[in-house]
Protein backbone atom coordinates (compact mmCIF):
# COMPACT_ATOMS: atom_id res chain seq x y z
CA MET A 1 26.20 9.81 85.90
CA ALA A 2 24.37 6.52 85.94
CA PRO A 3 26.13 3.38 87.22
CA ASP A 4 28.36 1.00 85.29
CA GLY A 5 29.51 3.62 82.75
CA ALA A 6 26.16 3.48 81.02
CA GLY A 7 25.72 7.26 80.63
CA PRO A 8 21.98 7.74 81.09
CA GLY A 9 22.12 4.12 82.17
CA ALA A 10 19.03 1.96 82.01
CA LEU A 11 17.08 5.05 81.01
CA VAL A 12 18.16 4.84 77.36
CA PRO A 13 15.10 6.23 75.55
CA ALA A 14 12.95 3.99 73.42
CA GLY A 15 13.08 6.21 70.35
CA SER A 16 10.96 9.34 70.66
CA PRO A 17 11.85 13.02 71.16
CA ASP A 18 9.23 13.03 73.91
CA ASP A 19 11.56 10.87 76.01
CA LEU A 20 14.17 13.62 76.09
CA THR A 21 12.84 15.49 79.09
CA ALA A 22 14.67 18.09 81.15
CA ALA A 23 15.29 15.50 83.84
CA TRP A 24 16.69 13.04 81.32
CA VAL A 25 18.99 15.61 79.69
CA GLY A 26 20.12 16.78 83.12
CA ALA A 27 21.16 13.22 83.97
CA ALA A 28 22.89 12.81 80.62
CA LEU A 29 24.85 16.05 81.00
CA ASP A 30 25.27 15.75 84.77
CA ALA A 31 23.97 19.31 85.00
CA PRO A 32 20.97 21.15 86.50
CA VAL A 33 18.69 21.40 83.47
CA ARG A 34 15.57 23.54 83.86
CA ALA A 35 13.95 23.04 80.44
CA VAL A 36 14.59 21.64 76.97
CA GLU A 37 13.19 22.56 73.57
CA VAL A 38 13.18 20.41 70.44
CA LEU A 39 14.80 22.58 67.77
CA ASP A 40 14.73 19.92 65.06
CA ALA A 41 13.92 16.23 64.84
CA HIS A 42 14.11 13.72 62.02
CA SER A 43 14.66 10.01 61.61
CA GLY A 44 16.59 7.78 59.23
CA THR A 45 19.11 5.12 60.16
CA THR A 46 18.93 6.76 63.60
CA GLY A 47 16.63 9.23 65.26
CA ARG A 48 18.21 12.67 65.39
CA VAL A 49 17.13 15.50 67.69
CA ARG A 50 18.62 18.96 68.22
CA LEU A 51 17.71 20.14 71.68
CA GLY A 52 17.93 23.62 73.14
CA VAL A 53 18.87 23.40 76.81
CA ALA A 54 18.18 25.90 79.61
CA TYR A 55 19.94 25.46 82.95
CA GLU A 56 19.18 26.26 86.57
CA ASP A 57 22.54 28.00 86.99
CA ASP A 58 24.78 30.35 84.98
CA ALA A 59 27.69 27.97 84.48
CA ALA A 60 29.19 27.76 81.00
CA ARG A 61 27.41 24.82 79.38
CA PRO A 62 26.22 23.94 75.87
CA ALA A 63 23.08 25.85 74.89
CA SER A 64 22.10 22.97 72.64
CA VAL A 65 23.03 19.33 72.07
CA PHE A 66 22.51 16.79 69.32
CA VAL A 67 20.95 13.51 70.42
CA LYS A 68 21.04 10.28 68.41
CA LEU A 69 18.70 7.49 69.43
CA ALA A 70 16.66 4.70 67.89
CA PRO A 71 14.73 5.63 64.72
CA PHE A 72 11.23 6.98 65.36
CA ASP A 73 9.70 4.70 62.72
CA GLU A 74 9.10 1.15 63.96
CA ARG A 75 10.02 -0.52 60.66
CA GLN A 76 13.26 1.43 60.38
CA ARG A 77 13.99 0.69 64.02
CA ARG A 78 13.72 -3.05 63.43
CA PHE A 79 16.12 -2.79 60.48
CA VAL A 80 18.69 -0.77 62.42
CA ASP A 81 18.42 -3.08 65.43
CA ALA A 82 18.94 -6.12 63.21
CA VAL A 83 22.11 -4.81 61.61
CA GLY A 84 23.48 -3.08 64.71
CA LEU A 85 24.23 0.39 63.32
CA GLY A 86 23.15 2.33 66.40
CA VAL A 87 24.90 0.11 68.91
CA ALA A 88 28.15 0.20 66.93
CA GLU A 89 28.09 3.99 66.72
CA ALA A 90 27.26 4.44 70.39
CA ARG A 91 30.06 2.06 71.36
CA PHE A 92 32.46 3.98 69.12
CA TYR A 93 31.61 7.27 70.81
CA ARG A 94 31.72 5.68 74.26
CA ASP A 95 34.84 3.54 73.90
CA VAL A 96 36.95 4.77 70.99
CA ALA A 97 36.28 8.43 70.20
CA ALA A 98 38.60 9.85 72.84
CA ARG A 99 41.49 7.89 71.30
CA THR A 100 41.03 9.00 67.71
CA PRO A 101 43.32 11.75 66.39
CA VAL A 102 40.64 13.34 64.18
CA ARG A 103 37.96 15.97 64.73
CA LEU A 104 34.70 14.44 65.94
CA PRO A 105 31.63 15.86 67.62
CA HIS A 106 32.34 16.30 71.30
CA VAL A 107 30.78 13.42 73.22
CA TRP A 108 28.75 14.58 76.20
CA ASN A 109 27.47 11.08 76.82
CA SER A 110 27.05 7.79 75.01
CA ALA A 111 25.25 4.76 76.39
CA VAL A 112 24.60 1.18 75.31
CA VAL A 113 22.32 -1.15 77.23
CA GLY A 114 21.82 -4.40 75.34
CA ASP A 115 20.51 -3.44 71.92
CA ARG A 116 19.42 0.00 73.11
CA TYR A 117 21.58 3.08 72.76
CA VAL A 118 21.75 6.85 72.88
CA MET A 119 24.39 9.44 72.04
CA VAL A 120 24.46 13.02 73.36
CA LEU A 121 26.85 14.94 71.16
CA GLU A 122 28.08 18.38 70.30
CA ASP A 123 25.60 20.38 68.24
CA LEU A 124 27.80 21.02 65.21
CA VAL A 125 25.37 23.56 63.78
CA ALA A 126 25.63 25.67 66.94
CA SER A 127 29.41 25.25 66.86
CA GLY A 128 29.52 26.89 63.43
CA ALA A 129 30.59 23.78 61.53
CA ARG A 130 30.28 23.80 57.76
CA PHE A 131 28.97 20.80 55.86
CA PRO A 132 30.70 20.24 52.50
CA THR A 133 28.99 19.38 49.24
CA PRO A 134 30.34 18.18 45.88
CA HIS A 135 29.64 21.66 44.50
CA ASP A 136 31.80 23.66 46.92
CA PRO A 137 34.40 25.87 45.19
CA ASP A 138 37.03 24.88 47.79
CA LEU A 139 36.37 21.15 47.54
CA VAL A 140 39.88 20.33 46.32
CA ASP A 141 41.38 22.03 49.38
CA TYR A 142 38.89 20.27 51.64
CA VAL A 143 39.64 16.81 50.21
CA THR A 144 43.38 17.48 50.37
CA ALA A 145 43.03 18.19 54.09
CA LEU A 146 40.72 15.19 54.46
CA VAL A 147 43.35 12.84 53.02
CA ASP A 148 45.74 13.95 55.77
CA GLU A 149 43.08 13.30 58.40
CA LEU A 150 42.34 9.84 57.05
CA ALA A 151 46.04 9.00 57.13
CA ALA A 152 46.25 10.15 60.76
CA LEU A 153 43.19 8.10 61.73
CA HIS A 154 44.39 4.96 59.98
CA ALA A 155 47.99 5.23 61.19
CA ALA A 156 46.85 5.43 64.81
CA PHE A 157 45.23 1.96 64.61
CA TRP A 158 47.27 0.33 61.83
CA ALA A 159 47.36 -3.47 62.32
CA SER A 160 46.35 -2.98 65.96
CA PRO A 161 45.70 -6.28 67.78
CA GLU A 162 42.99 -4.48 69.78
CA LEU A 163 40.86 -4.57 66.64
CA VAL A 164 41.16 -8.35 66.37
CA ASP A 165 40.65 -9.78 69.85
CA GLY A 166 40.87 -6.77 72.14
CA PRO A 167 38.48 -4.12 73.41
CA LEU A 168 37.95 -2.66 69.93
CA ALA A 169 37.04 -5.96 68.26
CA PHE A 170 33.37 -4.91 68.14
CA VAL A 171 34.15 -2.73 65.10
CA GLY A 172 34.55 -5.91 63.06
CA GLU A 173 31.27 -7.44 64.18
CA GLY A 174 27.62 -7.30 63.21
CA LEU A 175 25.28 -7.79 60.29
CA ARG A 176 26.01 -4.20 59.20
CA LEU A 177 29.25 -5.61 57.73
CA GLN A 178 27.73 -8.53 55.86
CA TYR A 179 28.22 -7.25 52.33
CA GLY A 180 27.41 -10.65 50.85
CA GLY A 181 23.70 -9.83 51.10
CA GLY A 182 23.65 -6.65 49.03
CA GLY A 183 22.87 -8.20 45.65
CA PRO A 184 19.08 -7.66 45.70
CA PHE A 185 19.44 -3.91 46.25
CA ILE A 186 21.88 -3.70 43.35
CA ALA A 187 19.53 -5.70 41.14
CA ARG A 188 16.73 -3.27 41.92
CA ALA A 189 18.96 -0.33 40.99
CA LEU A 190 19.98 -2.01 37.72
CA ASP A 191 16.34 -2.36 36.73
CA ARG A 192 15.70 1.27 37.55
CA PHE A 193 18.81 3.09 36.30
CA ALA A 194 20.78 0.99 33.79
CA ASP A 195 19.15 2.55 30.72
CA GLU A 196 20.12 6.04 31.91
CA LEU A 197 23.80 5.39 32.67
CA PRO A 198 26.94 4.36 30.72
CA PRO A 199 27.61 0.66 29.95
CA ALA A 200 30.02 0.43 32.89
CA PHE A 201 27.02 0.64 35.23
CA ARG A 202 25.48 -2.51 33.82
CA ALA A 203 28.87 -4.26 33.68
CA VAL A 204 29.77 -3.70 37.33
CA GLY A 205 26.20 -4.31 38.43
CA ASP A 206 25.86 -7.65 36.66
CA LEU A 207 29.19 -8.76 38.06
CA TYR A 208 28.26 -7.65 41.57
CA VAL A 209 24.88 -9.39 41.55
CA ALA A 210 26.35 -12.62 40.18
CA GLN A 211 29.39 -12.67 42.49
CA THR A 212 28.34 -10.76 45.61
CA PRO A 213 29.72 -13.19 48.24
CA ALA A 214 32.99 -13.67 46.34
CA ILE A 215 33.47 -9.92 45.93
CA ALA A 216 32.74 -9.42 49.63
CA ALA A 217 35.49 -11.97 50.32
CA LEU A 218 37.93 -9.89 48.27
CA PHE A 219 37.03 -6.88 50.40
CA ASP A 220 37.66 -8.91 53.55
CA ASP A 221 41.03 -10.21 52.34
CA ALA A 222 42.55 -6.77 51.74
CA ALA A 223 45.27 -5.98 54.31
CA PRO A 224 46.82 -4.54 56.41
CA ARG A 225 43.73 -3.48 58.31
CA THR A 226 43.05 -0.56 60.60
CA LEU A 227 40.15 1.36 62.11
CA ALA A 228 38.10 2.75 59.21
CA HIS A 229 35.20 5.16 59.40
CA GLY A 230 33.52 2.95 56.83
CA ASP A 231 31.10 5.49 55.33
CA PRO A 232 32.97 8.78 54.77
CA HIS A 233 30.93 10.33 51.97
CA LEU A 234 30.57 14.11 52.16
CA GLY A 235 27.21 13.78 53.91
CA ASN A 236 29.00 12.29 56.93
CA LEU A 237 31.73 14.93 57.08
CA PHE A 238 31.99 18.51 58.34
CA ALA A 239 34.52 21.30 58.51
CA ASP A 240 35.68 23.07 61.65
CA GLY A 241 37.34 26.05 60.04
CA ALA A 242 39.72 24.46 57.54
CA ARG A 243 39.87 21.14 59.36
CA PRO A 244 37.69 18.23 58.21
CA GLY A 245 35.75 16.27 60.79
CA PHE A 246 33.82 13.01 60.86
CA PHE A 247 30.40 12.05 62.21
CA ASP A 248 27.91 9.19 61.64
CA TRP A 249 30.18 6.33 62.75
CA GLY A 250 27.59 3.55 62.48
CA MET A 251 29.67 1.77 59.82
CA VAL A 252 32.95 1.95 61.76
CA GLN A 253 34.92 -1.19 60.96
CA HIS A 254 38.18 -3.13 60.85
CA ARG A 255 39.24 -2.64 57.24
CA ALA A 256 42.13 -1.69 54.98
CA GLY A 257 42.54 2.08 55.13
CA MET A 258 42.10 2.49 51.39
CA TRP A 259 38.44 1.57 51.91
CA ASP A 260 37.83 5.08 53.26
CA VAL A 261 40.03 6.80 50.69
CA ALA A 262 38.41 5.11 47.69
CA TYR A 263 34.96 5.62 49.17
CA VAL A 264 35.17 9.39 49.42
CA LEU A 265 37.17 10.01 46.25
CA CYS A 266 35.07 7.77 44.01
CA GLN A 267 31.66 8.48 45.47
CA SER A 268 31.73 12.12 46.59
CA VAL A 269 34.26 14.00 44.47
CA PRO A 270 33.00 15.24 41.08
CA THR A 271 34.49 13.17 38.28
CA GLU A 272 36.62 15.85 36.67
CA LEU A 273 38.14 16.85 40.01
CA ARG A 274 38.85 13.23 40.90
CA ARG A 275 40.51 12.59 37.56
CA ALA A 276 42.65 15.70 37.93
CA HIS A 277 43.78 15.10 41.52
CA GLU A 278 43.41 11.43 42.50
CA GLY A 279 47.04 10.55 41.71
CA ALA A 280 48.31 13.36 43.91
CA TRP A 281 45.84 12.47 46.66
CA LEU A 282 46.93 8.81 46.64
CA ASP A 283 50.59 9.83 46.80
CA GLN A 284 49.76 12.24 49.61
CA TYR A 285 47.97 9.56 51.63
CA ARG A 286 50.91 7.20 51.33
CA ALA A 287 53.35 9.96 52.27
CA ARG A 288 51.31 10.98 55.31
CA LEU A 289 51.15 7.37 56.48
CA ALA A 290 54.93 7.22 56.14
CA ALA A 291 55.25 10.38 58.24
CA HIS A 292 53.31 8.54 60.95
CA GLY A 293 55.65 5.55 60.68
CA VAL A 294 53.40 3.34 58.50
CA ALA A 295 54.52 1.90 55.16
CA LEU A 296 52.05 1.21 52.34
CA ASP A 297 53.56 0.28 49.00
CA ALA A 298 52.21 1.96 45.89
CA ALA A 299 51.20 -1.25 44.12
CA THR A 300 49.09 -2.47 47.04
CA GLN A 301 47.53 0.95 47.39
CA TRP A 302 46.57 1.07 43.71
CA ASP A 303 45.10 -2.45 43.75
CA GLN A 304 43.03 -1.63 46.83
CA TYR A 305 41.86 1.64 45.32
CA ARG A 306 40.58 -0.14 42.21
CA LEU A 307 38.93 -2.85 44.32
CA PHE A 308 37.27 -0.55 46.84
CA ALA A 309 35.96 1.69 44.07
CA VAL A 310 33.56 -1.20 43.51
CA TYR A 311 32.34 -0.96 47.09
CA ALA A 312 31.95 2.82 46.77
CA TRP A 313 29.79 2.08 43.73
CA ALA A 314 27.81 -0.67 45.47
CA SER A 315 27.11 1.50 48.49
CA ALA A 316 25.84 4.45 46.45
CA THR A 317 23.92 2.23 44.03
CA SER A 318 22.17 0.17 46.70
CA THR A 319 21.25 3.42 48.46
CA ALA A 320 19.77 4.75 45.22
CA GLY A 321 18.01 1.43 44.68
CA VAL A 322 16.00 1.70 47.91
CA GLY A 323 14.88 5.25 47.15
CA GLU A 324 14.38 7.55 50.14
CA ARG A 325 14.67 4.90 52.86
CA TRP A 326 18.35 5.57 53.66
CA GLN A 327 19.24 8.89 51.99
CA ARG A 328 17.62 11.61 49.93
CA ALA A 329 17.33 10.40 46.33
CA GLU A 330 19.73 12.97 44.94
CA VAL A 331 22.44 11.91 47.42
CA GLY A 332 22.42 8.24 46.44
CA GLN A 333 22.01 8.94 42.74
CA GLY A 334 24.80 11.51 42.65
CA GLY A 335 27.19 9.08 44.30
CA MET A 336 26.05 6.36 41.92
CA VAL A 337 26.86 8.46 38.85
CA ARG A 338 30.26 9.55 40.16
CA SER A 339 31.28 6.06 41.28
CA THR A 340 30.18 4.57 37.97
CA ALA A 341 32.62 6.91 36.23
CA ALA A 342 35.32 5.89 38.72
CA VAL A 343 34.97 2.13 38.21
CA ASP A 344 35.01 2.77 34.46
CA ASP A 345 38.15 4.94 34.63
CA LEU A 346 39.90 2.43 36.89
CA ASP A 347 38.82 -0.63 34.89
CA SER A 348 37.69 -2.07 38.20
CA VAL A 349 35.39 -4.63 36.61
CA GLU A 350 38.25 -6.33 34.82
CA PHE A 351 40.41 -6.04 37.93
CA VAL A 352 37.79 -7.85 40.02
CA ARG A 353 37.11 -10.47 37.35
CA GLU A 354 40.79 -11.40 37.25
CA ARG A 355 40.84 -11.92 41.01
CA LEU A 356 37.72 -14.02 40.99
CA THR A 357 39.15 -16.57 38.53
């Protein structure tokens, strides 16, 4: 282990699979590694590499690991560095993961050195994890279990002073959380998609573009706050047997817990399933919080759900507006369609307008 708790220490790779040598992986795992093989590599908001690992001894060790590092593309790397996604995620895995009561990838190592970072994590594919989609026949059961997990996560950090001025305060920092600058991406999506979608799309989009900083302030004012995953669409979730798990923590933040609940229900769950089950899921979340000793009144919960449906929409729509840069087109566009239906059903545009006056 390198000094100062830095994992691979000052040897955090620059952002290429070629940097992940047998010697480097051996240092990261504190194990005698003989050889490594790149099983898969791709790059988006981070670089992602699945590595097969061969060892000098016969001790029980992981036959493969999943490494997250800086994006391979220089332009994408500059964007991620500017907003701090990689550093925030690496700090989460290094400093917070062991304290969270939810299923995460096992952390073999996580290092941050300045604005450089690397994460060496459990290979969920090799572990047999399943990755849910909106089309899964058991999606209702999965989301029902997920609501319990979100309640457990949020209850563990509910109104924690550590998130304000303690060792976890970093989750509330960084340009990645500056939602006041998202208007141009939404405007681009309006130009591209408004003619194809219901009138609610144009209504929420026009309001968001015109009032982006004020709407971001409404998001910031919602309380009580806790540790939120920040980006729990189905593409950032997995299943270990029947238990949901969470990865991609680059948007971890200090936020009202309903942020996560509204995000996944409004953006990832097919509209008819959401309409049929959202009331029960909201009641379940509140009841599970209560079982953990946390009180959330129904009126506050409902107001926050309607408000954060707008963020679920803005996130999916801005992703769709930038095309393939952040997600595959069908991912962003599917979330955009589902969240448009949600803000329409919830009359979120009128709700936000009333709070802006």
